[in-house]
């Protein structure tokens, strides 16, 4: 350990370039070990101080489109475990670790109430009609909404593998996962005009970073719709305008006092035609 140098560590991490997350985990552990070794006087130099983490892009879970959700719903009707799992994920947006432990005891006066396992956030949201119909259609005799074919609660890995298998049988792409439905829930809230904090009250996110991405995308979409509607309306108005002769109109200018003398005799001439309004400046 006393002879460990930066170049040795760099060589180890370079050999793990194909698995950058694992390389960064190793770096993190070595950093903690060498920090302790330096504190205990086992080494005179901590080589980890100059080792930077490997930067890489993380490919997130794919958001389910509305078409994906319809396809899954058409494959698995009400009164199936698959449909109940879908409605839980897309209507309430729980994480995989939470959806496997939710049960009838978490529905109180028409509201779904539970504490998230990952963040400890308190979730208290109304049960939407689609989710309520899916719950009422099932004969539940346990403490969880979802269970295996043997009546036992799912493990996280077991639920993930089961649900992934069901998505493939529904003809959906292989990158559709349970977490993608949680993202779809947030997306739908953003598209409905919900604020980031409103979305966080449903999803239980601890920071605005992830939620802000959904709201920005939704706002861009709404602004684009508004812009194209405005353009379409303007073109329709132009098409309805009859051909009119050229006419001039004097318009008094509102300018600062310092520029008044240079423009006080200017006129704006407007030519009206089928292509819109053209502005000409004449003296």
C-alpha atoms as a PDB file:
ATOM      1  CA  UNK A   1       0.000   0.000   0.000  1.00  0.00           C
ATOM      2  CA  UNK A   2       2.862   2.370   0.816  1.00  0.00           C
ATOM      3  CA  UNK A   3       4.215   1.941  -2.717  1.00  0.00           C
ATOM      4  CA  UNK A   4       0.874   2.555  -4.460  1.00  0.00           C
ATOM      5  CA  UNK A   5       1.177   5.523  -6.835  1.00  0.00           C
ATOM      6  CA  UNK A   6      -1.203   7.472  -9.092  1.00  0.00           C
ATOM      7  CA  UNK A   7      -0.015   5.692 -12.232  1.00  0.00           C
ATOM      8  CA  UNK A   8      -0.822   2.302 -10.700  1.00  0.00           C
ATOM      9  CA  UNK A   9      -4.380   3.313  -9.884  1.00  0.00           C
ATOM     10  CA  UNK A  10      -4.841   4.976 -13.268  1.00  0.00           C
ATOM     11  CA  UNK A  11      -3.775   1.761 -15.003  1.00  0.00           C
ATOM     12  CA  UNK A  12      -6.301  -0.251 -13.004  1.00  0.00           C
ATOM     13  CA  UNK A  13      -9.143   2.143 -13.787  1.00  0.00           C
ATOM     14  CA  UNK A  14      -8.165   2.401 -17.462  1.00  0.00           C
ATOM     15  CA  UNK A  15      -8.527  -1.364 -17.665  1.00  0.00           C
ATOM     16  CA  UNK A  16     -12.140  -0.952 -16.521  1.00  0.00           C
ATOM     17  CA  UNK A  17     -13.064   1.594 -19.204  1.00  0.00           C
ATOM     18  CA  UNK A  18     -15.860  -0.643 -20.500  1.00  0.00           C
ATOM     19  CA  UNK A  19     -17.541  -0.563 -17.073  1.00  0.00           C
ATOM     20  CA  UNK A  20     -17.180   3.067 -15.936  1.00  0.00           C
ATOM     21  CA  UNK A  21     -19.699   2.749 -13.096  1.00  0.00           C
ATOM     22  CA  UNK A  22     -17.744  -0.154 -11.598  1.00  0.00           C
ATOM     23  CA  UNK A  23     -14.499   1.773 -12.074  1.00  0.00           C
ATOM     24  CA  UNK A  24     -15.904   4.753 -10.201  1.00  0.00           C
ATOM     25  CA  UNK A  25     -17.106   2.487  -7.388  1.00  0.00           C
ATOM     26  CA  UNK A  26     -13.600   1.065  -7.060  1.00  0.00           C
ATOM     27  CA  UNK A  27     -12.159   4.578  -7.058  1.00  0.00           C
ATOM     28  CA  UNK A  28     -14.576   5.588  -4.309  1.00  0.00           C
ATOM     29  CA  UNK A  29     -13.570   2.638  -2.111  1.00  0.00           C
ATOM     30  CA  UNK A  30      -9.835   3.151  -2.707  1.00  0.00           C
ATOM     31  CA  UNK A  31     -10.258   6.822  -1.854  1.00  0.00           C
ATOM     32  CA  UNK A  32     -11.800   5.924   1.507  1.00  0.00           C
ATOM     33  CA  UNK A  33      -9.130   3.299   2.227  1.00  0.00           C
ATOM     34  CA  UNK A  34      -6.216   5.584   1.385  1.00  0.00           C
ATOM     35  CA  UNK A  35      -7.709   8.434   3.379  1.00  0.00           C
ATOM     36  CA  UNK A  36      -7.840   6.181   6.437  1.00  0.00           C
ATOM     37  CA  UNK A  37      -4.299   4.890   5.752  1.00  0.00           C
ATOM     38  CA  UNK A  38      -2.987   8.455   5.620  1.00  0.00           C
ATOM     39  CA  UNK A  39      -4.811   9.310   8.839  1.00  0.00           C
ATOM     40  CA  UNK A  40      -3.296   6.241  10.567  1.00  0.00           C
ATOM     41  CA  UNK A  41       0.213   7.163   9.323  1.00  0.00           C
ATOM     42  CA  UNK A  42       0.411   3.971   7.255  1.00  0.00           C
ATOM     43  CA  UNK A  43       1.290   5.968   4.135  1.00  0.00           C
ATOM     44  CA  UNK A  44       2.994   9.315   3.700  1.00  0.00           C
ATOM     45  CA  UNK A  45       1.100  10.225   0.520  1.00  0.00           C
ATOM     46  CA  UNK A  46      -2.482   9.663  -0.563  1.00  0.00           C
ATOM     47  CA  UNK A  47      -2.387   8.922  -4.331  1.00  0.00           C
ATOM     48  CA  UNK A  48      -6.165   9.150  -4.666  1.00  0.00           C
ATOM     49  CA  UNK A  49      -6.209  12.942  -4.328  1.00  0.00           C
ATOM     50  CA  UNK A  50      -5.283  13.317  -8.014  1.00  0.00           C
ATOM     51  CA  UNK A  51      -7.531  10.587  -9.418  1.00  0.00           C
ATOM     52  CA  UNK A  52     -10.681  12.026 -11.018  1.00  0.00           C
ATOM     53  CA  UNK A  53     -13.860   9.983 -11.550  1.00  0.00           C
ATOM     54  CA  UNK A  54     -14.599   8.715 -15.038  1.00  0.00           C
ATOM     55  CA  UNK A  55     -17.237  10.843 -16.731  1.00  0.00           C
ATOM     56  CA  UNK A  56     -19.838   9.042 -18.767  1.00  0.00           C
ATOM     57  CA  UNK A  57     -23.425   9.465 -19.854  1.00  0.00           C
ATOM     58  CA  UNK A  58     -26.019   7.410 -18.056  1.00  0.00           C
ATOM     59  CA  UNK A  59     -28.757   6.042 -20.279  1.00  0.00           C
ATOM     60  CA  UNK A  60     -31.984   6.532 -18.386  1.00  0.00           C
ATOM     61  CA  UNK A  61     -35.074   4.382 -18.427  1.00  0.00           C
ATOM     62  CA  UNK A  62     -37.257   4.809 -21.490  1.00  0.00           C
ATOM     63  CA  UNK A  63     -40.476   6.724 -20.908  1.00  0.00           C
ATOM     64  CA  UNK A  64     -43.566   4.824 -22.030  1.00  0.00           C
ATOM     65  CA  UNK A  65     -45.561   6.620 -24.709  1.00  0.00           C
ATOM     66  CA  UNK A  66     -49.344   6.798 -24.531  1.00  0.00           C
ATOM     67  CA  UNK A  67     -49.424   4.352 -27.446  1.00  0.00           C
ATOM     68  CA  UNK A  68     -47.334   1.890 -25.406  1.00  0.00           C
ATOM     69  CA  UNK A  69     -49.743   2.190 -22.498  1.00  0.00           C
ATOM     70  CA  UNK A  70     -52.765   1.597 -24.749  1.00  0.00           C
ATOM     71  CA  UNK A  71     -51.130  -1.461 -26.300  1.00  0.00           C
ATOM     72  CA  UNK A  72     -50.387  -2.983 -22.896  1.00  0.00           C
ATOM     73  CA  UNK A  73     -53.936  -2.177 -21.698  1.00  0.00           C
ATOM     74  CA  UNK A  74     -55.460  -3.824 -24.768  1.00  0.00           C
ATOM     75  CA  UNK A  75     -53.383  -6.960 -24.143  1.00  0.00           C
ATOM     76  CA  UNK A  76     -54.166  -7.211 -20.432  1.00  0.00           C
ATOM     77  CA  UNK A  77     -57.750  -6.222 -19.552  1.00  0.00           C
ATOM     78  CA  UNK A  78     -59.249  -5.356 -16.202  1.00  0.00           C
ATOM     79  CA  UNK A  79     -59.244  -8.252 -13.682  1.00  0.00           C
ATOM     80  CA  UNK A  80     -55.644  -9.256 -14.504  1.00  0.00           C
ATOM     81  CA  UNK A  81     -52.551  -8.775 -12.343  1.00  0.00           C
ATOM     82  CA  UNK A  82     -50.770  -7.221 -15.298  1.00  0.00           C
ATOM     83  CA  UNK A  83     -53.406  -4.499 -15.676  1.00  0.00           C
ATOM     84  CA  UNK A  84     -53.383  -3.757 -11.948  1.00  0.00           C
ATOM     85  CA  UNK A  85     -49.593  -3.406 -12.048  1.00  0.00           C
ATOM     86  CA  UNK A  86     -49.879  -1.025 -15.008  1.00  0.00           C
ATOM     87  CA  UNK A  87     -52.478   1.181 -13.330  1.00  0.00           C
ATOM     88  CA  UNK A  88     -50.521   1.308 -10.075  1.00  0.00           C
ATOM     89  CA  UNK A  89     -47.383   2.434 -11.889  1.00  0.00           C
ATOM     90  CA  UNK A  90     -48.914   4.921 -14.297  1.00  0.00           C
ATOM     91  CA  UNK A  91     -51.588   6.381 -11.991  1.00  0.00           C
ATOM     92  CA  UNK A  92     -49.538   6.662  -8.801  1.00  0.00           C
ATOM     93  CA  UNK A  93     -45.932   6.542 -10.026  1.00  0.00           C
ATOM     94  CA  UNK A  94     -44.373   4.407  -7.253  1.00  0.00           C
ATOM     95  CA  UNK A  95     -40.889   2.986  -7.497  1.00  0.00           C
ATOM     96  CA  UNK A  96     -40.447  -0.756  -7.999  1.00  0.00           C
ATOM     97  CA  UNK A  97     -39.402  -1.108  -4.355  1.00  0.00           C
ATOM     98  CA  UNK A  98     -42.703   0.481  -3.249  1.00  0.00           C
ATOM     99  CA  UNK A  99     -45.195  -0.979  -5.705  1.00  0.00           C
ATOM    100  CA  UNK A 100     -44.473  -4.547  -4.517  1.00  0.00           C
ATOM    101  CA  UNK A 101     -45.467  -3.701  -0.929  1.00  0.00           C
ATOM    102  CA  UNK A 102     -48.524  -1.510  -1.565  1.00  0.00           C
ATOM    103  CA  UNK A 103     -51.812  -3.070  -0.542  1.00  0.00           C
ATOM    104  CA  UNK A 104     -55.427  -2.374   0.474  1.00  0.00           C
ATOM    105  CA  UNK A 105     -54.265  -1.034   3.843  1.00  0.00           C
ATOM    106  CA  UNK A 106     -52.662   1.894   2.035  1.00  0.00           C
ATOM    107  CA  UNK A 107     -55.990   3.102   0.583  1.00  0.00           C
ATOM    108  CA  UNK A 108     -57.790   5.331   3.094  1.00  0.00           C
ATOM    109  CA  UNK A 109     -60.889   7.368   2.216  1.00  0.00           C
ATOM    110  CA  UNK A 110     -60.149   7.178  -1.490  1.00  0.00           C
ATOM    111  CA  UNK A 111     -56.514   8.198  -1.104  1.00  0.00           C
ATOM    112  CA  UNK A 112     -53.303   6.224  -1.474  1.00  0.00           C
ATOM    113  CA  UNK A 113     -51.103   6.872   1.539  1.00  0.00           C
ATOM    114  CA  UNK A 114     -47.656   5.392   2.143  1.00  0.00           C
ATOM    115  CA  UNK A 115     -44.075   6.263   3.036  1.00  0.00           C
ATOM    116  CA  UNK A 116     -41.526   5.736   0.284  1.00  0.00           C
ATOM    117  CA  UNK A 117     -38.809   3.256   1.118  1.00  0.00           C
ATOM    118  CA  UNK A 118     -35.982   5.043  -0.713  1.00  0.00           C
ATOM    119  CA  UNK A 119     -36.446   8.644   0.427  1.00  0.00           C
ATOM    120  CA  UNK A 120     -38.889   8.334   3.318  1.00  0.00           C
ATOM    121  CA  UNK A 121     -41.205  10.829   1.593  1.00  0.00           C
ATOM    122  CA  UNK A 122     -44.845  10.745   2.683  1.00  0.00           C
ATOM    123  CA  UNK A 123     -47.155  10.147  -0.289  1.00  0.00           C
ATOM    124  CA  UNK A 124     -50.832  11.079   0.007  1.00  0.00           C
ATOM    125  CA  UNK A 125     -52.626  11.212  -3.350  1.00  0.00           C
ATOM    126  CA  UNK A 126     -56.169  10.584  -4.610  1.00  0.00           C
ATOM    127  CA  UNK A 127     -56.825   7.186  -6.185  1.00  0.00           C
ATOM    128  CA  UNK A 128     -57.668   7.855  -9.840  1.00  0.00           C
ATOM    129  CA  UNK A 129     -60.712   6.171 -11.357  1.00  0.00           C
ATOM    130  CA  UNK A 130     -58.676   3.838 -13.610  1.00  0.00           C
ATOM    131  CA  UNK A 131     -56.636   2.605 -10.675  1.00  0.00           C
ATOM    132  CA  UNK A 132     -59.718   2.274  -8.492  1.00  0.00           C
ATOM    133  CA  UNK A 133     -61.451   0.160 -11.151  1.00  0.00           C
ATOM    134  CA  UNK A 134     -58.397  -2.101 -11.441  1.00  0.00           C
ATOM    135  CA  UNK A 135     -58.221  -2.574  -7.664  1.00  0.00           C
ATOM    136  CA  UNK A 136     -61.954  -3.285  -7.284  1.00  0.00           C
ATOM    137  CA  UNK A 137     -61.867  -5.842 -10.098  1.00  0.00           C
ATOM    138  CA  UNK A 138     -59.435  -8.069  -8.209  1.00  0.00           C
ATOM    139  CA  UNK A 139     -60.152 -10.468  -5.370  1.00  0.00           C
ATOM    140  CA  UNK A 140     -57.379  -9.492  -3.001  1.00  0.00           C
ATOM    141  CA  UNK A 141     -56.779 -11.704   0.013  1.00  0.00           C
ATOM    142  CA  UNK A 142     -53.332 -10.537   1.097  1.00  0.00           C
ATOM    143  CA  UNK A 143     -51.500  -7.435   2.246  1.00  0.00           C
ATOM    144  CA  UNK A 144     -50.236  -6.540  -1.209  1.00  0.00           C
ATOM    145  CA  UNK A 145     -52.005  -5.623  -4.430  1.00  0.00           C
ATOM    146  CA  UNK A 146     -49.530  -7.658  -6.463  1.00  0.00           C
ATOM    147  CA  UNK A 147     -48.356 -11.181  -5.720  1.00  0.00           C
ATOM    148  CA  UNK A 148     -46.772 -14.105  -7.496  1.00  0.00           C
ATOM    149  CA  UNK A 149     -48.731 -16.995  -8.964  1.00  0.00           C
ATOM    150  CA  UNK A 150     -48.168 -18.751  -5.639  1.00  0.00           C
ATOM    151  CA  UNK A 151     -49.785 -15.930  -3.669  1.00  0.00           C
ATOM    152  CA  UNK A 152     -46.504 -14.630  -2.250  1.00  0.00           C
ATOM    153  CA  UNK A 153     -45.322 -10.995  -2.376  1.00  0.00           C
ATOM    154  CA  UNK A 154     -42.920 -10.173  -5.180  1.00  0.00           C
ATOM    155  CA  UNK A 155     -39.278  -9.406  -4.600  1.00  0.00           C
ATOM    156  CA  UNK A 156     -37.933  -6.369  -6.486  1.00  0.00           C
ATOM    157  CA  UNK A 157     -36.040  -8.526  -8.972  1.00  0.00           C
ATOM    158  CA  UNK A 158     -38.888 -10.975  -9.284  1.00  0.00           C
ATOM    159  CA  UNK A 159     -41.395  -8.222 -10.065  1.00  0.00           C
ATOM    160  CA  UNK A 160     -39.056  -6.598 -12.588  1.00  0.00           C
ATOM    161  CA  UNK A 161     -38.483  -9.847 -14.470  1.00  0.00           C
ATOM    162  CA  UNK A 162     -42.188 -10.752 -14.389  1.00  0.00           C
ATOM    163  CA  UNK A 163     -43.307  -7.364 -15.675  1.00  0.00           C
ATOM    164  CA  UNK A 164     -40.605  -7.234 -18.371  1.00  0.00           C
ATOM    165  CA  UNK A 165     -41.775 -10.623 -19.619  1.00  0.00           C
ATOM    166  CA  UNK A 166     -45.349  -9.312 -19.825  1.00  0.00           C
ATOM    167  CA  UNK A 167     -44.273  -6.245 -21.822  1.00  0.00           C
ATOM    168  CA  UNK A 168     -42.513  -8.442 -24.384  1.00  0.00           C
ATOM    169  CA  UNK A 169     -45.574 -10.678 -24.707  1.00  0.00           C
ATOM    170  CA  UNK A 170     -47.628  -7.512 -25.347  1.00  0.00           C
ATOM    171  CA  UNK A 171     -45.367  -6.765 -28.314  1.00  0.00           C
ATOM    172  CA  UNK A 172     -43.650  -3.749 -26.758  1.00  0.00           C
ATOM    173  CA  UNK A 173     -39.957  -2.930 -27.288  1.00  0.00           C
ATOM    174  CA  UNK A 174     -37.531  -4.653 -24.937  1.00  0.00           C
ATOM    175  CA  UNK A 175     -36.488  -1.381 -23.246  1.00  0.00           C
ATOM    176  CA  UNK A 176     -39.909  -0.819 -21.653  1.00  0.00           C
ATOM    177  CA  UNK A 177     -39.607  -1.279 -17.889  1.00  0.00           C
ATOM    178  CA  UNK A 178     -41.639  -0.585 -14.723  1.00  0.00           C
ATOM    179  CA  UNK A 179     -39.620   2.574 -14.043  1.00  0.00           C
ATOM    180  CA  UNK A 180     -40.542   3.848 -17.493  1.00  0.00           C
ATOM    181  CA  UNK A 181     -44.176   3.952 -16.339  1.00  0.00           C
ATOM    182  CA  UNK A 182     -43.181   6.040 -13.316  1.00  0.00           C
ATOM    183  CA  UNK A 183     -41.591   8.456 -15.787  1.00  0.00           C
ATOM    184  CA  UNK A 184     -44.762   8.375 -17.905  1.00  0.00           C
ATOM    185  CA  UNK A 185     -46.779   9.341 -14.815  1.00  0.00           C
ATOM    186  CA  UNK A 186     -44.542  12.389 -14.282  1.00  0.00           C
ATOM    187  CA  UNK A 187     -44.700  13.257 -17.976  1.00  0.00           C
ATOM    188  CA  UNK A 188     -48.495  13.199 -18.007  1.00  0.00           C
ATOM    189  CA  UNK A 189     -48.615  15.470 -14.964  1.00  0.00           C
ATOM    190  CA  UNK A 190     -46.251  17.922 -16.665  1.00  0.00           C
ATOM    191  CA  UNK A 191     -48.267  17.865 -19.891  1.00  0.00           C
ATOM    192  CA  UNK A 192     -51.395  18.609 -17.857  1.00  0.00           C
ATOM    193  CA  UNK A 193     -49.731  21.833 -16.696  1.00  0.00           C
ATOM    194  CA  UNK A 194     -48.729  20.749 -13.176  1.00  0.00           C
ATOM    195  CA  UNK A 195     -45.909  22.672 -11.518  1.00  0.00           C
ATOM    196  CA  UNK A 196     -42.671  20.887 -10.511  1.00  0.00           C
ATOM    197  CA  UNK A 197     -43.695  20.941  -6.847  1.00  0.00           C
ATOM    198  CA  UNK A 198     -47.094  19.451  -7.677  1.00  0.00           C
ATOM    199  CA  UNK A 199     -45.396  16.623  -9.561  1.00  0.00           C
ATOM    200  CA  UNK A 200     -42.976  16.065  -6.666  1.00  0.00           C
ATOM    201  CA  UNK A 201     -45.918  15.645  -4.292  1.00  0.00           C
ATOM    202  CA  UNK A 202     -46.978  12.636  -6.363  1.00  0.00           C
ATOM    203  CA  UNK A 203     -43.606  11.157  -7.294  1.00  0.00           C
ATOM    204  CA  UNK A 204     -41.817  11.839  -4.025  1.00  0.00           C
ATOM    205  CA  UNK A 205     -38.650  13.102  -5.737  1.00  0.00           C
ATOM    206  CA  UNK A 206     -36.335  14.831  -3.292  1.00  0.00           C
ATOM    207  CA  UNK A 207     -34.991  17.428  -5.764  1.00  0.00           C
ATOM    208  CA  UNK A 208     -36.333  19.431  -8.683  1.00  0.00           C
ATOM    209  CA  UNK A 209     -33.593  18.348 -11.099  1.00  0.00           C
ATOM    210  CA  UNK A 210     -35.406  15.366 -12.621  1.00  0.00           C
ATOM    211  CA  UNK A 211     -38.866  16.940 -12.452  1.00  0.00           C
ATOM    212  CA  UNK A 212     -37.653  20.132 -14.144  1.00  0.00           C
ATOM    213  CA  UNK A 213     -36.768  18.120 -17.248  1.00  0.00           C
ATOM    214  CA  UNK A 214     -40.380  16.943 -17.629  1.00  0.00           C
ATOM    215  CA  UNK A 215     -41.869  20.410 -17.156  1.00  0.00           C
ATOM    216  CA  UNK A 216     -39.426  22.009 -19.601  1.00  0.00           C
ATOM    217  CA  UNK A 217     -40.298  19.458 -22.261  1.00  0.00           C
ATOM    218  CA  UNK A 218     -44.027  19.904 -21.649  1.00  0.00           C
ATOM    219  CA  UNK A 219     -43.731  23.691 -21.759  1.00  0.00           C
ATOM    220  CA  UNK A 220     -41.843  23.531 -25.067  1.00  0.00           C
ATOM    221  CA  UNK A 221     -44.578  21.346 -26.486  1.00  0.00           C
ATOM    222  CA  UNK A 222     -47.341  23.697 -25.339  1.00  0.00           C
ATOM    223  CA  UNK A 223     -45.489  26.759 -26.664  1.00  0.00           C
ATOM    224  CA  UNK A 224     -44.946  25.008 -29.994  1.00  0.00           C
ATOM    225  CA  UNK A 225     -48.665  24.209 -30.216  1.00  0.00           C
ATOM    226  CA  UNK A 226     -49.509  27.827 -29.442  1.00  0.00           C
ATOM    227  CA  UNK A 227     -47.010  29.117 -32.004  1.00  0.00           C
ATOM    228  CA  UNK A 228     -48.290  26.886 -34.797  1.00  0.00           C
ATOM    229  CA  UNK A 229     -51.903  27.749 -33.968  1.00  0.00           C
ATOM    230  CA  UNK A 230     -51.051  31.449 -34.196  1.00  0.00           C
ATOM    231  CA  UNK A 231     -49.336  30.892 -37.548  1.00  0.00           C
ATOM    232  CA  UNK A 232     -52.279  28.923 -38.903  1.00  0.00           C
ATOM    233  CA  UNK A 233     -54.757  31.594 -37.804  1.00  0.00           C
ATOM    234  CA  UNK A 234     -52.660  34.325 -39.400  1.00  0.00           C
ATOM    235  CA  UNK A 235     -52.476  32.490 -42.714  1.00  0.00           C
ATOM    236  CA  UNK A 236     -56.224  31.915 -42.674  1.00  0.00           C
ATOM    237  CA  UNK A 237     -56.804  35.636 -42.123  1.00  0.00           C
ATOM    238  CA  UNK A 238     -54.480  36.537 -44.997  1.00  0.00           C
ATOM    239  CA  UNK A 239     -56.297  34.200 -47.350  1.00  0.00           C
ATOM    240  CA  UNK A 240     -59.627  35.838 -46.500  1.00  0.00           C
ATOM    241  CA  UNK A 241     -58.382  39.411 -47.108  1.00  0.00           C
ATOM    242  CA  UNK A 242     -59.571  40.794 -50.502  1.00  0.00           C
ATOM    243  CA  UNK A 243     -57.041  42.353 -52.881  1.00  0.00           C
ATOM    244  CA  UNK A 244     -56.753  45.994 -51.877  1.00  0.00           C
ATOM    245  CA  UNK A 245     -55.054  48.924 -53.623  1.00  0.00           C
ATOM    246  CA  UNK A 246     -51.872  50.415 -52.257  1.00  0.00           C
ATOM    247  CA  UNK A 247     -52.562  53.075 -49.663  1.00  0.00           C
ATOM    248  CA  UNK A 248     -50.397  55.254 -47.461  1.00  0.00           C
ATOM    249  CA  UNK A 249     -50.928  56.092 -43.837  1.00  0.00           C
ATOM    250  CA  UNK A 250     -49.062  58.705 -41.811  1.00  0.00           C
ATOM    251  CA  UNK A 251     -48.212  57.467 -38.368  1.00  0.00           C
ATOM    252  CA  UNK A 252     -46.891  59.792 -35.702  1.00  0.00           C
ATOM    253  CA  UNK A 253     -43.727  58.481 -34.062  1.00  0.00           C
ATOM    254  CA  UNK A 254     -43.122  58.156 -30.369  1.00  0.00           C
ATOM    255  CA  UNK A 255     -39.384  58.589 -29.932  1.00  0.00           C
ATOM    256  CA  UNK A 256     -36.950  60.090 -27.462  1.00  0.00           C
ATOM    257  CA  UNK A 257     -36.441  63.867 -27.511  1.00  0.00           C
ATOM    258  CA  UNK A 258     -32.840  63.480 -28.757  1.00  0.00           C
ATOM    259  CA  UNK A 259     -33.995  61.683 -31.909  1.00  0.00           C
ATOM    260  CA  UNK A 260     -37.170  63.611 -32.567  1.00  0.00           C
ATOM    261  CA  UNK A 261     -35.624  66.081 -34.999  1.00  0.00           C
ATOM    262  CA  UNK A 262     -34.141  63.352 -37.193  1.00  0.00           C
ATOM    263  CA  UNK A 263     -37.359  61.440 -37.648  1.00  0.00           C
ATOM    264  CA  UNK A 264     -40.140  63.971 -37.225  1.00  0.00           C
ATOM    265  CA  UNK A 265     -40.772  64.107 -40.973  1.00  0.00           C
ATOM    266  CA  UNK A 266     -40.596  60.385 -41.597  1.00  0.00           C
ATOM    267  CA  UNK A 267     -43.623  58.467 -42.704  1.00  0.00           C
ATOM    268  CA  UNK A 268     -44.347  54.766 -42.735  1.00  0.00           C
ATOM    269  CA  UNK A 269     -45.875  53.478 -45.954  1.00  0.00           C
ATOM    270  CA  UNK A 270     -47.796  50.250 -45.753  1.00  0.00           C
ATOM    271  CA  UNK A 271     -48.475  48.109 -48.743  1.00  0.00           C
ATOM    272  CA  UNK A 272     -51.287  45.628 -48.242  1.00  0.00           C
ATOM    273  CA  UNK A 273     -51.266  42.490 -50.312  1.00  0.00           C
ATOM    274  CA  UNK A 274     -52.034  38.821 -50.227  1.00  0.00           C
ATOM    275  CA  UNK A 275     -48.578  38.023 -48.822  1.00  0.00           C
ATOM    276  CA  UNK A 276     -49.033  40.073 -45.683  1.00  0.00           C
ATOM    277  CA  UNK A 277     -47.834  43.545 -44.646  1.00  0.00           C
ATOM    278  CA  UNK A 278     -44.588  45.035 -45.966  1.00  0.00           C
ATOM    279  CA  UNK A 279     -43.050  48.039 -44.190  1.00  0.00           C
ATOM    280  CA  UNK A 280     -41.362  50.818 -46.178  1.00  0.00           C
ATOM    281  CA  UNK A 281     -39.685  53.848 -44.627  1.00  0.00           C
ATOM    282  CA  UNK A 282     -39.804  57.068 -46.709  1.00  0.00           C
ATOM    283  CA  UNK A 283     -38.993  60.733 -46.080  1.00  0.00           C
END
